Protein backbone atom coordinates (compact mmCIF):
# COMPACT_ATOMS: atom_id res chain seq x y z
CA MET A 1 -57.70 -168.27 -81.43
CA LYS A 2 -60.34 -165.69 -81.26
CA ASN A 3 -62.90 -167.97 -83.02
CA ILE A 4 -62.40 -170.71 -80.25
CA VAL A 5 -62.82 -167.98 -77.33
CA LEU A 6 -65.89 -166.65 -79.00
CA ILE A 7 -67.34 -170.23 -79.38
CA PHE A 8 -66.34 -170.99 -75.51
CA SER A 9 -68.12 -167.81 -74.42
CA ILE A 10 -71.31 -168.63 -76.52
CA PHE A 11 -71.37 -172.05 -75.21
CA LEU A 12 -70.86 -170.99 -71.59
CA LEU A 13 -73.72 -168.21 -71.98
CA SER A 14 -76.01 -170.94 -73.74
CA ILE A 15 -75.68 -173.19 -70.59
CA PHE A 16 -76.13 -170.49 -68.30
CA LEU A 17 -79.51 -169.39 -70.06
CA ILE A 18 -80.72 -172.72 -70.20
CA GLY A 19 -80.12 -173.24 -66.74
CA THR A 20 -81.77 -170.07 -65.57
CA ALA A 21 -84.85 -170.92 -67.66
CA TYR A 22 -84.99 -174.26 -66.03
CA ILE A 23 -84.83 -173.06 -62.61
CA LEU A 24 -87.43 -170.12 -63.24
CA LYS A 25 -89.92 -172.90 -64.85
CA ASN A 26 -89.64 -175.17 -61.71
CA LYS A 27 -91.40 -173.86 -58.57
CA ASP A 28 -89.78 -175.92 -56.06
CA LEU A 29 -86.60 -175.42 -57.16
CA CYS A 30 -86.96 -171.53 -58.10
CA CYS A 31 -88.48 -170.90 -54.46
CA LYS A 32 -85.25 -172.25 -52.82
CA TYR A 33 -83.31 -169.12 -54.29
CA GLN A 34 -84.08 -165.55 -52.73
CA LEU A 35 -83.08 -164.01 -56.31
CA CYS A 36 -85.76 -166.34 -58.17
CA GLU A 37 -88.38 -165.33 -55.36
CA GLN A 38 -87.52 -161.67 -56.32
CA ILE A 39 -87.95 -161.75 -60.02
CA THR A 40 -90.78 -164.04 -60.11
CA ASP A 41 -94.38 -163.92 -58.66
CA MET A 42 -94.59 -167.82 -58.49
CA CYS A 43 -93.60 -167.98 -54.52
CA ASP A 44 -95.95 -165.40 -53.40
CA GLU A 45 -99.08 -168.12 -52.60
CA VAL A 46 -100.55 -167.62 -49.50
CA SER A 47 -100.82 -170.79 -47.48
CA ASN A 48 -103.87 -171.85 -45.44
CA THR A 49 -102.44 -170.52 -42.24
CA ASP A 50 -101.28 -167.17 -43.76
CA GLN A 51 -103.46 -163.99 -43.83
CA GLN A 52 -103.49 -161.82 -46.67
CA VAL A 53 -104.66 -158.30 -46.15
CA LEU A 54 -104.79 -155.30 -48.58
CA SER A 55 -103.22 -151.90 -47.43
CA GLU A 56 -104.44 -148.73 -48.27
CA LYS A 57 -102.03 -148.15 -50.90
CA GLY A 58 -103.37 -151.37 -52.73
CA SER A 59 -100.19 -153.61 -51.87
CA ILE A 60 -101.03 -157.12 -50.71
CA LEU A 61 -99.78 -157.91 -47.20
CA ILE A 62 -99.33 -161.72 -46.13
CA LEU A 63 -98.93 -161.95 -42.50
CA ASP A 64 -97.57 -165.03 -41.09
CA ASN A 65 -98.23 -165.08 -37.56
CA ILE A 66 -101.68 -163.57 -37.20
CA LYS A 67 -105.04 -164.11 -38.35
CA ASP A 68 -108.42 -162.32 -38.88
CA GLY A 69 -109.92 -161.75 -35.48
CA ASP A 70 -106.75 -162.18 -33.38
CA THR A 71 -105.88 -159.76 -30.80
CA VAL A 72 -102.43 -158.59 -29.82
CA ASP A 73 -100.91 -156.75 -27.11
CA GLN A 74 -98.28 -154.11 -27.24
CA GLY A 75 -94.94 -154.99 -28.46
CA PHE A 76 -96.24 -158.10 -30.41
CA GLU A 77 -94.26 -158.54 -33.68
CA VAL A 78 -96.16 -159.12 -36.73
CA LYS A 79 -94.10 -160.89 -39.40
CA GLY A 80 -95.06 -161.39 -42.97
CA ARG A 81 -94.16 -160.60 -46.84
CA VAL A 82 -95.11 -158.01 -49.27
CA SER A 83 -94.55 -157.85 -53.04
CA GLY A 84 -93.15 -154.53 -54.45
CA GLU A 85 -89.96 -152.73 -53.89
CA TRP A 86 -90.27 -150.31 -50.88
CA PHE A 87 -89.14 -152.98 -48.38
CA LEU A 88 -86.03 -155.01 -47.72
CA LYS A 89 -85.56 -158.43 -48.88
CA GLY A 90 -89.49 -158.93 -49.24
CA LEU A 91 -89.93 -159.26 -45.57
CA PHE A 92 -91.28 -156.59 -43.14
CA GLN A 93 -91.19 -156.96 -39.36
């Protein structure tokens, strides 16, 4: 009985690992899941409409709603993404 449980556990773990590897290699599939976005950097590409800025501490900020040369008024909400671990869920506002 122990051998059957052990074989079944190894089988389930193998399926999980193969599925995880498949998701991590497939960019379109990986970028749909927040956990995958957090553990890989393949989803951090900047689109043509996004503005990439380097912070004073060397972090790359990707701004979604502002471009180089834009002027903003008081109360304007800047939205974007950043890599690293000092933020909540990879987003800042």
